[in-house]
């Protein structure tokens, strides 16, 4: 009763995902969890707790640090 559930389905049926369900707090609409169902019948559920809104995050958190010997494959397209 304290949550809102939103079920999303892909427009393109060729996607590997069957649907995504988002769970939100009814009072403030904060996303508190998600469940993903794939076409093979697998289900992945994630619940968020200790949510902090607008917390400052240092730039250091966004630096990629890979262990020695790890190969990085970059498939992003350059404009």
C-alpha atoms as a PDB file:
ATOM      1  CA  UNK A   1       0.000   0.000   0.000  1.00  0.00           C
ATOM      2  CA  UNK A   2       2.942   2.376   0.499  1.00  0.00           C
ATOM      3  CA  UNK A   3       4.421   1.765  -2.961  1.00  0.00           C
ATOM      4  CA  UNK A   4       3.543   2.501  -6.570  1.00  0.00           C
ATOM      5  CA  UNK A   5       4.431  -0.105  -9.192  1.00  0.00           C
ATOM      6  CA  UNK A   6       5.003   0.890 -12.817  1.00  0.00           C
ATOM      7  CA  UNK A   7       5.326  -1.863 -15.415  1.00  0.00           C
ATOM      8  CA  UNK A   8       7.234  -1.008 -18.605  1.00  0.00           C
ATOM      9  CA  UNK A   9       7.435  -3.172 -21.725  1.00  0.00           C
ATOM     10  CA  UNK A  10       9.755  -2.575 -24.702  1.00  0.00           C
ATOM     11  CA  UNK A  11       8.231  -1.242 -27.921  1.00  0.00           C
ATOM     12  CA  UNK A  12      10.570  -3.457 -29.927  1.00  0.00           C
ATOM     13  CA  UNK A  13       9.750  -7.137 -29.366  1.00  0.00           C
ATOM     14  CA  UNK A  14      13.271  -8.134 -30.487  1.00  0.00           C
ATOM     15  CA  UNK A  15      14.809  -6.806 -27.268  1.00  0.00           C
ATOM     16  CA  UNK A  16      16.183  -9.287 -24.745  1.00  0.00           C
ATOM     17  CA  UNK A  17      14.025  -7.827 -21.995  1.00  0.00           C
ATOM     18  CA  UNK A  18      10.406  -8.775 -21.505  1.00  0.00           C
ATOM     19  CA  UNK A  19       9.514  -6.048 -18.980  1.00  0.00           C
ATOM     20  CA  UNK A  20      10.792  -3.736 -16.259  1.00  0.00           C
ATOM     21  CA  UNK A  21       8.881  -2.982 -13.092  1.00  0.00           C
ATOM     22  CA  UNK A  22       9.808   0.110 -11.088  1.00  0.00           C
ATOM     23  CA  UNK A  23       8.795   0.427  -7.463  1.00  0.00           C
ATOM     24  CA  UNK A  24       8.374   3.944  -6.057  1.00  0.00           C
ATOM     25  CA  UNK A  25       7.482   5.382  -2.664  1.00  0.00           C
ATOM     26  CA  UNK A  26       3.900   6.652  -2.786  1.00  0.00           C
ATOM     27  CA  UNK A  27       4.684   9.707  -0.627  1.00  0.00           C
ATOM     28  CA  UNK A  28       7.646  11.182  -2.551  1.00  0.00           C
ATOM     29  CA  UNK A  29       7.830   9.088  -5.769  1.00  0.00           C
ATOM     30  CA  UNK A  30      11.433   8.082  -5.000  1.00  0.00           C
ATOM     31  CA  UNK A  31      12.425   4.906  -6.897  1.00  0.00           C
ATOM     32  CA  UNK A  32      12.992   2.230  -4.254  1.00  0.00           C
ATOM     33  CA  UNK A  33      13.503  -0.812  -6.434  1.00  0.00           C
ATOM     34  CA  UNK A  34      13.293  -2.461  -9.814  1.00  0.00           C
ATOM     35  CA  UNK A  35      12.630  -5.890 -11.247  1.00  0.00           C
ATOM     36  CA  UNK A  36      13.755  -6.913 -14.730  1.00  0.00           C
ATOM     37  CA  UNK A  37      12.301  -9.911 -16.550  1.00  0.00           C
ATOM     38  CA  UNK A  38      14.130 -11.203 -19.612  1.00  0.00           C
ATOM     39  CA  UNK A  39      12.819 -13.291 -22.506  1.00  0.00           C
ATOM     40  CA  UNK A  40      14.418 -16.455 -21.073  1.00  0.00           C
ATOM     41  CA  UNK A  41      12.321 -16.210 -17.897  1.00  0.00           C
ATOM     42  CA  UNK A  42      15.070 -14.848 -15.650  1.00  0.00           C
ATOM     43  CA  UNK A  43      14.130 -12.290 -13.015  1.00  0.00           C
ATOM     44  CA  UNK A  44      16.511  -9.776 -11.416  1.00  0.00           C
ATOM     45  CA  UNK A  45      15.269  -7.740  -8.456  1.00  0.00           C
ATOM     46  CA  UNK A  46      17.132  -4.770  -6.961  1.00  0.00           C
ATOM     47  CA  UNK A  47      15.978  -2.928  -3.840  1.00  0.00           C
ATOM     48  CA  UNK A  48      17.450   0.447  -2.901  1.00  0.00           C
ATOM     49  CA  UNK A  49      17.918   1.424   0.739  1.00  0.00           C
ATOM     50  CA  UNK A  50      19.646   4.261   2.579  1.00  0.00           C
ATOM     51  CA  UNK A  51      18.772   6.539  -0.352  1.00  0.00           C
ATOM     52  CA  UNK A  52      20.419   9.950  -0.204  1.00  0.00           C
ATOM     53  CA  UNK A  53      19.093  12.686  -2.478  1.00  0.00           C
ATOM     54  CA  UNK A  54      21.386  15.337  -4.021  1.00  0.00           C
ATOM     55  CA  UNK A  55      24.452  14.129  -2.122  1.00  0.00           C
ATOM     56  CA  UNK A  56      27.728  15.572  -3.383  1.00  0.00           C
ATOM     57  CA  UNK A  57      29.815  12.975  -5.209  1.00  0.00           C
ATOM     58  CA  UNK A  58      33.523  13.574  -5.739  1.00  0.00           C
ATOM     59  CA  UNK A  59      34.995  13.421  -9.250  1.00  0.00           C
ATOM     60  CA  UNK A  60      37.251  10.625  -7.981  1.00  0.00           C
ATOM     61  CA  UNK A  61      34.215   8.313  -7.863  1.00  0.00           C
ATOM     62  CA  UNK A  62      33.956   8.560 -11.653  1.00  0.00           C
ATOM     63  CA  UNK A  63      37.562   7.604 -12.460  1.00  0.00           C
ATOM     64  CA  UNK A  64      37.996   4.177 -14.033  1.00  0.00           C
ATOM     65  CA  UNK A  65      40.775   2.235 -12.322  1.00  0.00           C
ATOM     66  CA  UNK A  66      41.453  -1.136 -13.884  1.00  0.00           C
ATOM     67  CA  UNK A  67      43.799  -3.771 -12.499  1.00  0.00           C
ATOM     68  CA  UNK A  68      47.002  -4.517 -14.451  1.00  0.00           C
ATOM     69  CA  UNK A  69      46.439  -6.800 -17.433  1.00  0.00           C
ATOM     70  CA  UNK A  70      42.774  -5.874 -17.931  1.00  0.00           C
ATOM     71  CA  UNK A  71      41.844  -5.091 -21.526  1.00  0.00           C
ATOM     72  CA  UNK A  72      39.242  -2.375 -22.098  1.00  0.00           C
ATOM     73  CA  UNK A  73      37.034  -2.665 -25.173  1.00  0.00           C
ATOM     74  CA  UNK A  74      35.455   0.666 -26.108  1.00  0.00           C
ATOM     75  CA  UNK A  75      32.417   0.231 -28.345  1.00  0.00           C
ATOM     76  CA  UNK A  76      31.183   3.803 -28.085  1.00  0.00           C
ATOM     77  CA  UNK A  77      30.713   5.554 -31.384  1.00  0.00           C
ATOM     78  CA  UNK A  78      32.664   8.739 -31.999  1.00  0.00           C
ATOM     79  CA  UNK A  79      30.657  11.493 -33.717  1.00  0.00           C
END
